[in-house]
Amino acid sequence: MITDDAQLRDRLGHVYWIGGGSGGGKSTIATRLARRYGLDVHATDDTMGDHVRRSAPGDTPYLQRFLAMDMDERWVDRSPPTMLETFHWYRGEGFGLIVEDLLALPPGRGVVVEGFRLLPELVAPLLADPRHAVWLLPTPEFRRAAFESRGGLWQIAGRTGDPDRALRNLLDRDGMFTDRLRAETTRLGLPVVEVDLTVTEDDLVTRVADSFGF
């Protein structure tokens, strides 16, 4: 049984963490790094449904309130600051399940774990080497361009009664989340890569690889 952060740091020493704001390129960069350096990829977005099912209601009050809302209540009727403060993943709910999943992976092979759920204050205690984590912080212009290029702008907003307002709310909330990540990584002295429209995908791969010490 793992009883403290020191044991977790030892068990997770082969893990490289890529967090950051939505639309910052986390999945793409993780995949390219894994291919280049012979690593596995663990995409935390893909596990959200499973983590909802595995979550104990008493431990996830924000998740339970979110699940009880309809789409307009989630994305139209509330202000972006309220959406930011009450979004369950931004509150760290379910992060322990990410750790459980990582501990269950076969040992002896490096893994890149990526996703916006990797909050700096939760990842920092698990780092045996601070170079093993980086956060990608996209500008609003980069984030919107990224969503437009992959057709993702309307996946949520288009299912509401007011898609334009929902989209504005989502983009504003995501921008606030990125600002919060910037403040937290600065406070904790953790590495970041700023992502704007002048940065190419190859640039990002190189910068993250350099940050990891590859």
N, C-alpha and C. Protein backbone atom coordinates (compact mmCIF):
# COMPACT_ATOMS: atom_id res chain seq x y z
N MET A 1 0.84 -1.20 0.00
CA MET A 1 0.00 0.00 0.00
C MET A 1 0.88 1.25 0.00
N ILE A 2 0.49 2.24 -0.82
CA ILE A 2 1.23 3.49 -0.86
C ILE A 2 0.64 4.44 0.17
N THR A 3 1.49 4.95 1.05
CA THR A 3 0.99 5.71 2.18
C THR A 3 1.36 7.18 2.14
N ASP A 4 2.31 7.59 1.31
CA ASP A 4 2.69 8.99 1.31
C ASP A 4 3.20 9.42 -0.06
N ASP A 5 3.44 10.74 -0.18
CA ASP A 5 3.87 11.29 -1.46
C ASP A 5 5.24 10.78 -1.87
N ALA A 6 6.11 10.48 -0.89
CA ALA A 6 7.45 10.00 -1.24
C ALA A 6 7.36 8.67 -1.98
N GLN A 7 6.48 7.78 -1.52
CA GLN A 7 6.31 6.50 -2.20
C GLN A 7 5.70 6.71 -3.59
N LEU A 8 4.74 7.65 -3.68
CA LEU A 8 4.14 7.93 -4.98
C LEU A 8 5.18 8.49 -5.95
N ARG A 9 6.01 9.40 -5.48
CA ARG A 9 7.05 9.96 -6.35
C ARG A 9 7.95 8.87 -6.88
N ASP A 10 8.28 7.89 -6.04
CA ASP A 10 9.12 6.79 -6.48
C ASP A 10 8.41 5.93 -7.52
N ARG A 11 7.14 5.64 -7.29
CA ARG A 11 6.38 4.80 -8.21
C ARG A 11 6.11 5.50 -9.54
N LEU A 12 6.04 6.83 -9.50
CA LEU A 12 5.67 7.59 -10.70
C LEU A 12 6.86 8.29 -11.34
N GLY A 13 8.04 7.85 -11.00
CA GLY A 13 9.23 8.50 -11.54
C GLY A 13 9.40 8.36 -13.03
N HIS A 14 8.70 7.41 -13.65
CA HIS A 14 8.79 7.20 -15.09
C HIS A 14 7.73 7.98 -15.87
N VAL A 15 6.95 8.79 -15.15
CA VAL A 15 5.82 9.50 -15.77
C VAL A 15 6.24 10.92 -16.12
N TYR A 16 5.83 11.36 -17.32
CA TYR A 16 6.01 12.74 -17.77
C TYR A 16 4.62 13.36 -17.92
N TRP A 17 4.43 14.52 -17.34
CA TRP A 17 3.12 15.13 -17.24
C TRP A 17 3.03 16.34 -18.18
N ILE A 18 1.97 16.40 -19.01
CA ILE A 18 1.71 17.57 -19.84
C ILE A 18 0.31 18.07 -19.52
N GLY A 19 0.24 19.18 -18.78
CA GLY A 19 -1.02 19.82 -18.48
C GLY A 19 -1.17 21.08 -19.31
N GLY A 20 -2.24 21.83 -19.02
CA GLY A 20 -2.39 23.10 -19.72
C GLY A 20 -3.82 23.41 -20.07
N GLY A 21 -4.00 24.58 -20.68
CA GLY A 21 -5.33 25.02 -21.08
C GLY A 21 -5.86 24.26 -22.27
N SER A 22 -7.18 24.30 -22.44
CA SER A 22 -7.82 23.62 -23.55
C SER A 22 -7.34 24.19 -24.87
N GLY A 23 -7.12 23.32 -25.85
CA GLY A 23 -6.70 23.76 -27.17
C GLY A 23 -5.23 24.11 -27.29
N GLY A 24 -4.42 23.74 -26.27
CA GLY A 24 -3.01 24.10 -26.28
C GLY A 24 -2.10 23.12 -26.98
N GLY A 25 -2.65 22.00 -27.45
CA GLY A 25 -1.83 21.03 -28.18
C GLY A 25 -1.30 19.88 -27.35
N LYS A 26 -1.86 19.65 -26.19
CA LYS A 26 -1.35 18.61 -25.28
C LYS A 26 -1.36 17.22 -25.92
N SER A 27 -2.48 16.85 -26.51
CA SER A 27 -2.61 15.51 -27.08
C SER A 27 -1.64 15.30 -28.24
N THR A 28 -1.57 16.29 -29.12
CA THR A 28 -0.69 16.18 -30.28
C THR A 28 0.77 16.07 -29.85
N ILE A 29 1.19 16.91 -28.92
CA ILE A 29 2.59 16.90 -28.49
C ILE A 29 2.91 15.61 -27.75
N ALA A 30 2.00 15.15 -26.90
CA ALA A 30 2.23 13.89 -26.19
C ALA A 30 2.40 12.74 -27.16
N THR A 31 1.56 12.68 -28.19
CA THR A 31 1.64 11.60 -29.17
C THR A 31 2.97 11.65 -29.93
N ARG A 32 3.38 12.82 -30.33
CA ARG A 32 4.64 12.92 -31.09
C ARG A 32 5.85 12.60 -30.21
N LEU A 33 5.84 13.04 -28.97
CA LEU A 33 6.95 12.72 -28.07
C LEU A 33 7.00 11.22 -27.79
N ALA A 34 5.84 10.62 -27.60
CA ALA A 34 5.80 9.18 -27.33
C ALA A 34 6.36 8.39 -28.50
N ARG A 35 6.00 8.81 -29.70
CA ARG A 35 6.50 8.12 -30.89
C ARG A 35 8.01 8.29 -31.03
N ARG A 36 8.48 9.47 -30.74
CA ARG A 36 9.91 9.76 -30.91
C ARG A 36 10.77 9.06 -29.87
N TYR A 37 10.29 8.98 -28.63
CA TYR A 37 11.13 8.49 -27.54
C TYR A 37 10.70 7.13 -26.99
N GLY A 38 9.77 6.48 -27.66
CA GLY A 38 9.37 5.14 -27.24
C GLY A 38 8.60 5.11 -25.93
N LEU A 39 7.69 6.06 -25.76
CA LEU A 39 6.90 6.15 -24.54
C LEU A 39 5.45 5.75 -24.82
N ASP A 40 4.74 5.41 -23.76
CA ASP A 40 3.29 5.22 -23.87
C ASP A 40 2.60 6.56 -23.61
N VAL A 41 1.35 6.66 -24.04
CA VAL A 41 0.54 7.86 -23.80
C VAL A 41 -0.67 7.49 -22.96
N HIS A 42 -0.93 8.31 -21.96
CA HIS A 42 -2.15 8.16 -21.15
C HIS A 42 -2.93 9.46 -21.26
N ALA A 43 -4.03 9.45 -22.03
CA ALA A 43 -4.84 10.64 -22.28
C ALA A 43 -5.98 10.69 -21.26
N THR A 44 -5.91 11.66 -20.36
CA THR A 44 -6.90 11.70 -19.28
C THR A 44 -8.29 12.12 -19.77
N ASP A 45 -8.38 12.81 -20.91
CA ASP A 45 -9.71 13.11 -21.45
C ASP A 45 -10.46 11.83 -21.76
N ASP A 46 -9.75 10.80 -22.20
CA ASP A 46 -10.39 9.55 -22.59
C ASP A 46 -10.93 8.78 -21.39
N THR A 47 -10.49 9.11 -20.20
CA THR A 47 -10.91 8.37 -19.01
C THR A 47 -12.00 9.08 -18.22
N MET A 48 -12.46 10.24 -18.70
CA MET A 48 -13.41 11.02 -17.89
C MET A 48 -14.71 10.25 -17.62
N GLY A 49 -15.25 9.60 -18.66
CA GLY A 49 -16.48 8.85 -18.46
C GLY A 49 -16.31 7.75 -17.43
N ASP A 50 -15.21 7.02 -17.52
CA ASP A 50 -14.92 5.96 -16.56
C ASP A 50 -14.75 6.54 -15.16
N HIS A 51 -14.11 7.69 -15.05
CA HIS A 51 -13.90 8.29 -13.74
C HIS A 51 -15.20 8.80 -13.13
N VAL A 52 -16.11 9.27 -13.97
CA VAL A 52 -17.43 9.65 -13.45
C VAL A 52 -18.11 8.43 -12.84
N ARG A 53 -18.03 7.30 -13.52
CA ARG A 53 -18.67 6.08 -13.01
C ARG A 53 -18.00 5.58 -11.74
N ARG A 54 -16.69 5.76 -11.62
CA ARG A 54 -15.96 5.26 -10.46
C ARG A 54 -15.97 6.22 -9.28
N SER A 55 -16.45 7.43 -9.47
CA SER A 55 -16.39 8.44 -8.42
C SER A 55 -17.45 8.17 -7.35
N ALA A 56 -17.04 8.31 -6.10
CA ALA A 56 -17.98 8.19 -4.99
C ALA A 56 -18.74 9.51 -4.85
N PRO A 57 -20.07 9.49 -4.86
CA PRO A 57 -20.84 10.74 -4.79
C PRO A 57 -20.44 11.65 -3.64
N GLY A 58 -20.14 11.06 -2.50
CA GLY A 58 -19.79 11.87 -1.35
C GLY A 58 -18.47 12.60 -1.50
N ASP A 59 -17.61 12.12 -2.41
CA ASP A 59 -16.30 12.74 -2.63
C ASP A 59 -16.29 13.71 -3.80
N THR A 60 -17.41 13.80 -4.51
CA THR A 60 -17.43 14.62 -5.74
C THR A 60 -18.67 15.52 -5.77
N PRO A 61 -18.79 16.44 -4.83
CA PRO A 61 -20.01 17.28 -4.79
C PRO A 61 -20.18 18.16 -6.03
N TYR A 62 -19.07 18.68 -6.57
CA TYR A 62 -19.19 19.53 -7.76
C TYR A 62 -19.61 18.71 -8.97
N LEU A 63 -19.08 17.51 -9.09
CA LEU A 63 -19.48 16.63 -10.18
C LEU A 63 -20.96 16.29 -10.09
N GLN A 64 -21.43 15.99 -8.90
CA GLN A 64 -22.84 15.61 -8.75
C GLN A 64 -23.76 16.77 -9.13
N ARG A 65 -23.41 17.99 -8.74
CA ARG A 65 -24.23 19.14 -9.12
C ARG A 65 -24.19 19.37 -10.62
N PHE A 66 -23.01 19.17 -11.24
CA PHE A 66 -22.88 19.33 -12.68
C PHE A 66 -23.75 18.32 -13.42
N LEU A 67 -23.73 17.07 -12.98
CA LEU A 67 -24.51 16.03 -13.64
C LEU A 67 -26.00 16.29 -13.56
N ALA A 68 -26.44 17.01 -12.52
CA ALA A 68 -27.86 17.28 -12.35
C ALA A 68 -28.36 18.42 -13.23
N MET A 69 -27.44 19.17 -13.86
CA MET A 69 -27.82 20.32 -14.69
C MET A 69 -28.12 19.89 -16.12
N ASP A 70 -28.99 20.67 -16.79
CA ASP A 70 -29.14 20.48 -18.24
C ASP A 70 -28.09 21.33 -18.96
N MET A 71 -28.04 21.26 -20.28
CA MET A 71 -26.97 21.91 -21.03
C MET A 71 -27.01 23.43 -20.88
N ASP A 72 -28.20 24.03 -20.85
CA ASP A 72 -28.27 25.47 -20.69
C ASP A 72 -27.82 25.89 -19.29
N GLU A 73 -28.19 25.11 -18.29
CA GLU A 73 -27.75 25.43 -16.94
C GLU A 73 -26.23 25.35 -16.83
N ARG A 74 -25.62 24.42 -17.55
CA ARG A 74 -24.16 24.27 -17.49
C ARG A 74 -23.43 25.39 -18.21
N TRP A 75 -23.91 25.75 -19.43
CA TRP A 75 -23.08 26.56 -20.33
C TRP A 75 -23.67 27.90 -20.73
N VAL A 76 -24.95 28.14 -20.47
CA VAL A 76 -25.59 29.39 -20.89
C VAL A 76 -25.96 30.28 -19.70
N ASP A 77 -26.59 29.71 -18.71
CA ASP A 77 -27.21 30.50 -17.65
C ASP A 77 -26.22 31.02 -16.61
N ARG A 78 -25.05 30.40 -16.50
CA ARG A 78 -24.10 30.80 -15.48
C ARG A 78 -23.00 31.67 -16.08
N SER A 79 -22.39 32.50 -15.26
CA SER A 79 -21.30 33.36 -15.74
C SER A 79 -20.02 32.54 -15.86
N PRO A 80 -19.09 32.97 -16.73
CA PRO A 80 -17.81 32.26 -16.84
C PRO A 80 -17.06 32.12 -15.51
N PRO A 81 -17.01 33.16 -14.64
CA PRO A 81 -16.34 32.94 -13.35
C PRO A 81 -16.99 31.85 -12.51
N THR A 82 -18.32 31.80 -12.52
CA THR A 82 -19.01 30.73 -11.78
C THR A 82 -18.72 29.37 -12.40
N MET A 83 -18.73 29.31 -13.73
CA MET A 83 -18.39 28.06 -14.41
C MET A 83 -16.99 27.60 -14.04
N LEU A 84 -16.06 28.55 -13.96
CA LEU A 84 -14.68 28.20 -13.60
C LEU A 84 -14.60 27.65 -12.18
N GLU A 85 -15.25 28.33 -11.25
CA GLU A 85 -15.11 27.97 -9.83
C GLU A 85 -15.83 26.68 -9.48
N THR A 86 -16.83 26.31 -10.25
CA THR A 86 -17.64 25.15 -9.88
C THR A 86 -17.42 23.93 -10.77
N PHE A 87 -16.54 24.03 -11.79
CA PHE A 87 -16.32 22.88 -12.67
C PHE A 87 -15.52 21.81 -11.92
N HIS A 88 -16.05 20.62 -11.85
CA HIS A 88 -15.52 19.57 -10.98
C HIS A 88 -14.07 19.22 -11.29
N TRP A 89 -13.72 19.11 -12.58
CA TRP A 89 -12.34 18.74 -12.90
C TRP A 89 -11.38 19.86 -12.50
N TYR A 90 -11.82 21.12 -12.60
CA TYR A 90 -10.97 22.23 -12.19
C TYR A 90 -10.81 22.28 -10.67
N ARG A 91 -11.70 21.62 -9.95
CA ARG A 91 -11.60 21.55 -8.49
C ARG A 91 -10.72 20.37 -8.05
N GLY A 92 -10.25 19.59 -9.00
CA GLY A 92 -9.40 18.45 -8.67
C GLY A 92 -10.14 17.17 -8.39
N GLU A 93 -11.47 17.18 -8.52
CA GLU A 93 -12.22 15.95 -8.28
C GLU A 93 -11.83 14.91 -9.34
N GLY A 94 -11.58 13.70 -8.90
CA GLY A 94 -11.20 12.62 -9.81
C GLY A 94 -9.72 12.51 -10.07
N PHE A 95 -8.91 13.43 -9.54
CA PHE A 95 -7.47 13.34 -9.81
C PHE A 95 -6.87 12.06 -9.21
N GLY A 96 -7.38 11.65 -8.07
CA GLY A 96 -6.88 10.41 -7.47
C GLY A 96 -7.08 9.21 -8.38
N LEU A 97 -8.12 9.24 -9.20
CA LEU A 97 -8.37 8.13 -10.13
C LEU A 97 -7.35 8.14 -11.26
N ILE A 98 -6.89 9.34 -11.67
CA ILE A 98 -5.80 9.41 -12.65
C ILE A 98 -4.56 8.73 -12.08
N VAL A 99 -4.24 9.03 -10.83
CA VAL A 99 -3.07 8.41 -10.19
C VAL A 99 -3.25 6.90 -10.10
N GLU A 100 -4.44 6.46 -9.73
CA GLU A 100 -4.70 5.01 -9.67
C GLU A 100 -4.46 4.36 -11.03
N ASP A 101 -4.93 5.00 -12.09
CA ASP A 101 -4.74 4.45 -13.43
C ASP A 101 -3.26 4.36 -13.79
N LEU A 102 -2.50 5.39 -13.44
CA LEU A 102 -1.06 5.38 -13.75
C LEU A 102 -0.34 4.28 -12.97
N LEU A 103 -0.72 4.09 -11.73
CA LEU A 103 -0.09 3.05 -10.92
C LEU A 103 -0.42 1.65 -11.43
N ALA A 104 -1.54 1.52 -12.13
CA ALA A 104 -1.95 0.20 -12.65
C ALA A 104 -1.29 -0.14 -13.98
N LEU A 105 -0.60 0.83 -14.61
CA LEU A 105 0.06 0.55 -15.88
C LEU A 105 1.28 -0.36 -15.65
N PRO A 106 1.66 -1.14 -16.67
CA PRO A 106 2.84 -2.00 -16.51
C PRO A 106 4.07 -1.16 -16.19
N PRO A 107 4.87 -1.58 -15.21
CA PRO A 107 6.07 -0.82 -14.86
C PRO A 107 7.18 -1.00 -15.89
N GLY A 108 8.18 -0.13 -15.81
CA GLY A 108 9.37 -0.31 -16.63
C GLY A 108 9.35 0.38 -17.97
N ARG A 109 8.29 1.12 -18.28
CA ARG A 109 8.22 1.83 -19.56
C ARG A 109 7.73 3.24 -19.29
N GLY A 110 8.38 4.24 -19.86
CA GLY A 110 7.98 5.62 -19.66
C GLY A 110 6.61 5.90 -20.24
N VAL A 111 5.90 6.83 -19.61
CA VAL A 111 4.57 7.18 -20.07
C VAL A 111 4.40 8.69 -20.01
N VAL A 112 3.76 9.24 -21.03
CA VAL A 112 3.38 10.65 -21.04
C VAL A 112 1.90 10.72 -20.73
N VAL A 113 1.55 11.37 -19.64
CA VAL A 113 0.14 11.57 -19.28
C VAL A 113 -0.21 13.01 -19.61
N GLU A 114 -1.36 13.20 -20.27
CA GLU A 114 -1.70 14.55 -20.70
C GLU A 114 -3.17 14.85 -20.44
N GLY A 115 -3.44 16.15 -20.24
CA GLY A 115 -4.82 16.59 -20.08
C GLY A 115 -4.93 17.83 -19.21
N PHE A 116 -6.04 18.55 -19.36
CA PHE A 116 -6.23 19.78 -18.58
C PHE A 116 -6.48 19.48 -17.11
N ARG A 117 -6.80 18.23 -16.77
CA ARG A 117 -7.08 17.87 -15.38
C ARG A 117 -5.83 17.78 -14.52
N LEU A 118 -4.66 17.90 -15.12
CA LEU A 118 -3.41 17.80 -14.38
C LEU A 118 -3.09 19.17 -13.78
N LEU A 119 -3.71 19.47 -12.66
CA LEU A 119 -3.56 20.77 -12.01
C LEU A 119 -2.18 20.85 -11.35
N PRO A 120 -1.49 21.98 -11.48
CA PRO A 120 -0.12 22.09 -10.94
C PRO A 120 -0.02 21.75 -9.47
N GLU A 121 -0.96 22.20 -8.67
CA GLU A 121 -0.87 21.96 -7.22
C GLU A 121 -1.07 20.49 -6.86
N LEU A 122 -1.69 19.72 -7.76
CA LEU A 122 -1.88 18.29 -7.51
C LEU A 122 -0.72 17.47 -8.06
N VAL A 123 -0.14 17.91 -9.16
CA VAL A 123 0.97 17.19 -9.76
C VAL A 123 2.28 17.43 -9.00
N ALA A 124 2.49 18.65 -8.53
CA ALA A 124 3.78 19.03 -7.94
C ALA A 124 4.25 18.06 -6.84
N PRO A 125 3.40 17.63 -5.91
CA PRO A 125 3.88 16.72 -4.86
C PRO A 125 4.30 15.35 -5.37
N LEU A 126 3.96 15.02 -6.63
CA LEU A 126 4.25 13.70 -7.18
C LEU A 126 5.51 13.68 -8.03
N LEU A 127 6.19 14.82 -8.14
CA LEU A 127 7.34 14.92 -9.04
C LEU A 127 8.64 14.65 -8.32
N ALA A 128 9.27 13.53 -8.66
CA ALA A 128 10.62 13.27 -8.16
C ALA A 128 11.61 14.19 -8.86
N ASP A 129 11.31 14.55 -10.10
CA ASP A 129 12.13 15.46 -10.89
C ASP A 129 11.21 16.53 -11.46
N PRO A 130 11.38 17.82 -11.08
CA PRO A 130 10.46 18.85 -11.56
C PRO A 130 10.48 19.02 -13.08
N ARG A 131 11.50 18.50 -13.76
CA ARG A 131 11.55 18.58 -15.21
C ARG A 131 10.56 17.63 -15.87
N HIS A 132 9.96 16.74 -15.09
CA HIS A 132 9.04 15.75 -15.66
C HIS A 132 7.63 16.28 -15.85
N ALA A 133 7.43 17.58 -15.73
CA ALA A 133 6.10 18.15 -15.95
C ALA A 133 6.23 19.49 -16.65
N VAL A 134 5.26 19.78 -17.51
CA VAL A 134 5.20 21.07 -18.19
C VAL A 134 3.74 21.39 -18.49
N TRP A 135 3.42 22.67 -18.48
CA TRP A 135 2.07 23.12 -18.79
C TRP A 135 2.09 24.00 -20.02
N LEU A 136 1.22 23.69 -20.98
CA LEU A 136 1.10 24.46 -22.21
C LEU A 136 -0.01 25.50 -22.02
N LEU A 137 0.35 26.77 -22.22
CA LEU A 137 -0.58 27.86 -21.93
C LEU A 137 -0.90 28.62 -23.22
N PRO A 138 -2.05 28.29 -23.85
CA PRO A 138 -2.39 28.91 -25.13
C PRO A 138 -2.99 30.30 -24.96
N THR A 139 -2.70 31.18 -25.91
CA THR A 139 -3.39 32.45 -25.96
C THR A 139 -4.83 32.23 -26.42
N PRO A 140 -5.72 33.20 -26.14
CA PRO A 140 -7.10 33.04 -26.63
C PRO A 140 -7.17 32.84 -28.15
N GLU A 141 -6.31 33.55 -28.90
CA GLU A 141 -6.33 33.43 -30.36
C GLU A 141 -5.90 32.03 -30.80
N PHE A 142 -4.88 31.48 -30.14
CA PHE A 142 -4.43 30.14 -30.50
C PHE A 142 -5.51 29.11 -30.16
N ARG A 143 -6.12 29.27 -28.98
CA ARG A 143 -7.14 28.31 -28.56
C ARG A 143 -8.31 28.29 -29.54
N ARG A 144 -8.79 29.47 -29.92
CA ARG A 144 -9.92 29.51 -30.85
C ARG A 144 -9.53 28.92 -32.20
N ALA A 145 -8.34 29.25 -32.69
CA ALA A 145 -7.89 28.70 -33.98
C ALA A 145 -7.79 27.18 -33.91
N ALA A 146 -7.31 26.67 -32.77
CA ALA A 146 -7.18 25.22 -32.62
C ALA A 146 -8.55 24.54 -32.65
N PHE A 147 -9.52 25.11 -31.97
CA PHE A 147 -10.85 24.53 -31.96
C PHE A 147 -11.49 24.60 -33.35
N GLU A 148 -11.29 25.72 -34.03
CA GLU A 148 -11.87 25.86 -35.37
C GLU A 148 -11.27 24.84 -36.34
N SER A 149 -9.96 24.60 -36.21
CA SER A 149 -9.29 23.70 -37.15
C SER A 149 -9.75 22.26 -36.99
N ARG A 150 -10.16 21.90 -35.78
CA ARG A 150 -10.61 20.51 -35.58
C ARG A 150 -12.12 20.39 -35.43
N GLY A 151 -12.83 21.50 -35.72
CA GLY A 151 -14.30 21.46 -35.73
C GLY A 151 -14.91 21.27 -34.37
N GLY A 152 -14.22 21.68 -33.31
CA GLY A 152 -14.71 21.41 -31.97
C GLY A 152 -15.44 22.54 -31.30
N LEU A 153 -15.57 23.70 -31.97
CA LEU A 153 -16.18 24.85 -31.32
C LEU A 153 -17.63 24.60 -30.89
N TRP A 154 -18.35 23.82 -31.69
CA TRP A 154 -19.78 23.70 -31.44
C TRP A 154 -20.17 22.37 -30.81
N GLN A 155 -19.22 21.56 -30.45
CA GLN A 155 -19.56 20.25 -29.89
C GLN A 155 -20.38 20.37 -28.62
N ILE A 156 -20.06 21.36 -27.80
CA ILE A 156 -20.85 21.61 -26.60
C ILE A 156 -21.85 22.72 -26.84
N ALA A 157 -21.38 23.85 -27.35
CA ALA A 157 -22.25 25.02 -27.50
C ALA A 157 -23.44 24.73 -28.39
N GLY A 158 -23.24 23.92 -29.42
CA GLY A 158 -24.31 23.63 -30.36
C GLY A 158 -25.44 22.81 -29.78
N ARG A 159 -25.25 22.28 -28.61
CA ARG A 159 -26.30 21.47 -27.95
C ARG A 159 -27.07 22.27 -26.92
N THR A 160 -26.87 23.59 -26.90
CA THR A 160 -27.59 24.46 -25.97
C THR A 160 -28.65 25.27 -26.70
N GLY A 161 -29.46 25.99 -25.93
CA GLY A 161 -30.47 26.84 -26.53
C GLY A 161 -29.95 28.15 -27.06
N ASP A 162 -28.72 28.51 -26.69
CA ASP A 162 -28.11 29.76 -27.15
C ASP A 162 -26.63 29.48 -27.44
N PRO A 163 -26.35 28.89 -28.61
CA PRO A 163 -24.98 28.48 -28.91
C PRO A 163 -23.97 29.62 -28.88
N ASP A 164 -24.34 30.80 -29.35
CA ASP A 164 -23.39 31.91 -29.37
C ASP A 164 -22.97 32.29 -27.96
N ARG A 165 -23.94 32.41 -27.07
CA ARG A 165 -23.61 32.77 -25.69
C ARG A 165 -22.83 31.66 -25.02
N ALA A 166 -23.22 30.41 -25.24
CA ALA A 166 -22.51 29.28 -24.65
C ALA A 166 -21.06 29.27 -25.10
N LEU A 167 -20.84 29.55 -26.39
CA LEU A 167 -19.48 29.57 -26.92
C LEU A 167 -18.65 30.66 -26.27
N ARG A 168 -19.22 31.86 -26.14
CA ARG A 168 -18.51 32.94 -25.46
C ARG A 168 -18.17 32.57 -24.03
N ASN A 169 -19.14 31.97 -23.35
CA ASN A 169 -18.91 31.57 -21.96
C ASN A 169 -17.78 30.55 -21.86
N LEU A 170 -17.80 29.57 -22.75
CA LEU A 170 -16.78 28.53 -22.72
C LEU A 170 -15.39 29.10 -22.98
N LEU A 171 -15.28 29.96 -23.99
CA LEU A 171 -13.98 30.53 -24.31
C LEU A 171 -13.48 31.43 -23.19
N ASP A 172 -14.39 32.21 -22.59
CA ASP A 172 -13.99 33.06 -21.46
C ASP A 172 -13.56 32.22 -20.26
N ARG A 173 -14.33 31.18 -19.98
CA ARG A 173 -13.96 30.31 -18.86
C ARG A 173 -12.61 29.65 -19.09
N ASP A 174 -12.37 29.15 -20.31
CA ASP A 174 -11.10 28.50 -20.59
C ASP A 174 -9.94 29.48 -20.51
N GLY A 175 -10.17 30.72 -20.91
CA GLY A 175 -9.13 31.73 -20.78
C GLY A 175 -8.80 31.99 -19.31
N MET A 176 -9.82 32.06 -18.47
CA MET A 176 -9.60 32.25 -17.03
C MET A 176 -8.85 31.06 -16.43
N PHE A 177 -9.17 29.87 -16.91
CA PHE A 177 -8.48 28.68 -16.41
C PHE A 177 -7.00 28.72 -16.78
N THR A 178 -6.70 29.13 -18.00
CA THR A 178 -5.31 29.25 -18.42
C THR A 178 -4.57 30.28 -17.58
N ASP A 179 -5.23 31.40 -17.27
CA ASP A 179 -4.62 32.41 -16.40
C ASP A 179 -4.34 31.83 -15.02
N ARG A 180 -5.26 31.02 -14.53
CA ARG A 180 -5.04 30.39 -13.21
C ARG A 180 -3.86 29.43 -13.27
N LEU A 181 -3.75 28.67 -14.33
CA LEU A 181 -2.61 27.76 -14.47
C LEU A 181 -1.30 28.54 -14.49
N ARG A 182 -1.30 29.67 -15.18
CA ARG A 182 -0.09 30.49 -15.25
C ARG A 182 0.31 30.97 -13.84
N ALA A 183 -0.66 31.40 -13.06
CA ALA A 183 -0.37 31.87 -11.71
C ALA A 183 0.12 30.74 -10.82
N GLU A 184 -0.50 29.56 -10.93
CA GLU A 184 -0.11 28.44 -10.07
C GLU A 184 1.27 27.89 -10.44
N THR A 185 1.55 27.77 -11.72
CA THR A 185 2.87 27.27 -12.11
C THR A 185 3.96 28.26 -11.69
N THR A 186 3.67 29.54 -11.78
CA THR A 186 4.63 30.54 -11.32
C THR A 186 4.85 30.42 -9.82
N ARG A 187 3.79 30.29 -9.07
CA ARG A 187 3.90 30.16 -7.61
C ARG A 187 4.71 28.95 -7.20
N LEU A 188 4.54 27.85 -7.94
CA LEU A 188 5.20 26.59 -7.59
C LEU A 188 6.54 26.40 -8.30
N GLY A 189 6.89 27.33 -9.18
CA GLY A 189 8.16 27.22 -9.89
C GLY A 189 8.20 26.08 -10.88
N LEU A 190 7.08 25.83 -11.55
CA LEU A 190 6.97 24.71 -12.50
C LEU A 190 7.09 25.21 -13.93
N PRO A 191 7.60 24.37 -14.83
CA PRO A 191 7.84 24.80 -16.22
C PRO A 191 6.55 25.01 -17.00
N VAL A 192 6.57 26.02 -17.88
CA VAL A 192 5.47 26.27 -18.79
C VAL A 192 6.03 26.54 -20.18
N VAL A 193 5.17 26.37 -21.18
CA VAL A 193 5.46 26.79 -22.55
C VAL A 193 4.29 27.64 -23.00
N GLU A 194 4.56 28.89 -23.32
CA GLU A 194 3.52 29.78 -23.85
C GLU A 194 3.27 29.43 -25.31
N VAL A 195 2.00 29.31 -25.68
CA VAL A 195 1.63 28.85 -27.02
C VAL A 195 0.81 29.94 -27.71
N ASP A 196 1.36 30.52 -28.76
CA ASP A 196 0.63 31.52 -29.53
C ASP A 196 0.68 31.16 -31.01
N LEU A 197 0.11 32.02 -31.84
CA LEU A 197 -0.03 31.71 -33.26
C LEU A 197 1.29 31.68 -34.01
N THR A 198 2.36 32.17 -33.39
CA THR A 198 3.67 32.12 -34.06
C THR A 198 4.38 30.80 -33.83
N VAL A 199 3.86 29.97 -32.94
CA VAL A 199 4.53 28.71 -32.56
C VAL A 199 4.05 27.59 -33.47
N THR A 200 4.97 26.86 -34.07
CA THR A 200 4.60 25.71 -34.89
C THR A 200 4.55 24.45 -34.02
N GLU A 201 3.95 23.43 -34.58
CA GLU A 201 3.89 22.16 -33.87
C GLU A 201 5.29 21.61 -33.60
N ASP A 202 6.18 21.73 -34.58
CA ASP A 202 7.55 21.28 -34.37
C ASP A 202 8.23 22.06 -33.25
N ASP A 203 7.95 23.38 -33.19
CA ASP A 203 8.49 24.19 -32.10
C ASP A 203 8.05 23.65 -30.74
N LEU A 204 6.77 23.34 -30.65
CA LEU A 204 6.23 22.86 -29.37
C LEU A 204 6.87 21.53 -28.96
N VAL A 205 7.00 20.63 -29.92
CA VAL A 205 7.63 19.34 -29.62
C VAL A 205 9.04 19.56 -29.09
N THR A 206 9.78 20.43 -29.74
CA THR A 206 11.15 20.69 -29.32
C THR A 206 11.20 21.32 -27.93
N ARG A 207 10.33 22.29 -27.69
CA ARG A 207 10.34 22.98 -26.40
C ARG A 207 9.96 22.05 -25.26
N VAL A 208 8.96 21.21 -25.48
CA VAL A 208 8.55 20.29 -24.42
C VAL A 208 9.63 19.23 -24.21
N ALA A 209 10.21 18.71 -25.27
CA ALA A 209 11.29 17.74 -25.14
C ALA A 209 12.47 18.34 -24.36
N ASP A 210 12.79 19.59 -24.66
CA ASP A 210 13.88 20.25 -23.95
C ASP A 210 13.52 20.43 -22.47
N SER A 211 12.28 20.78 -22.21
CA SER A 211 11.84 20.97 -20.82
C SER A 211 11.94 19.66 -20.03
N PHE A 212 11.62 18.55 -20.71
CA PHE A 212 11.71 17.23 -20.07
C PHE A 212 13.16 16.74 -19.93
N GLY A 213 14.08 17.41 -20.59
CA GLY A 213 15.47 16.98 -20.54
C GLY A 213 15.80 15.82 -21.45
N PHE A 214 14.99 15.63 -22.50
CA PHE A 214 15.24 14.54 -23.47
C PHE A 214 16.45 14.87 -24.34
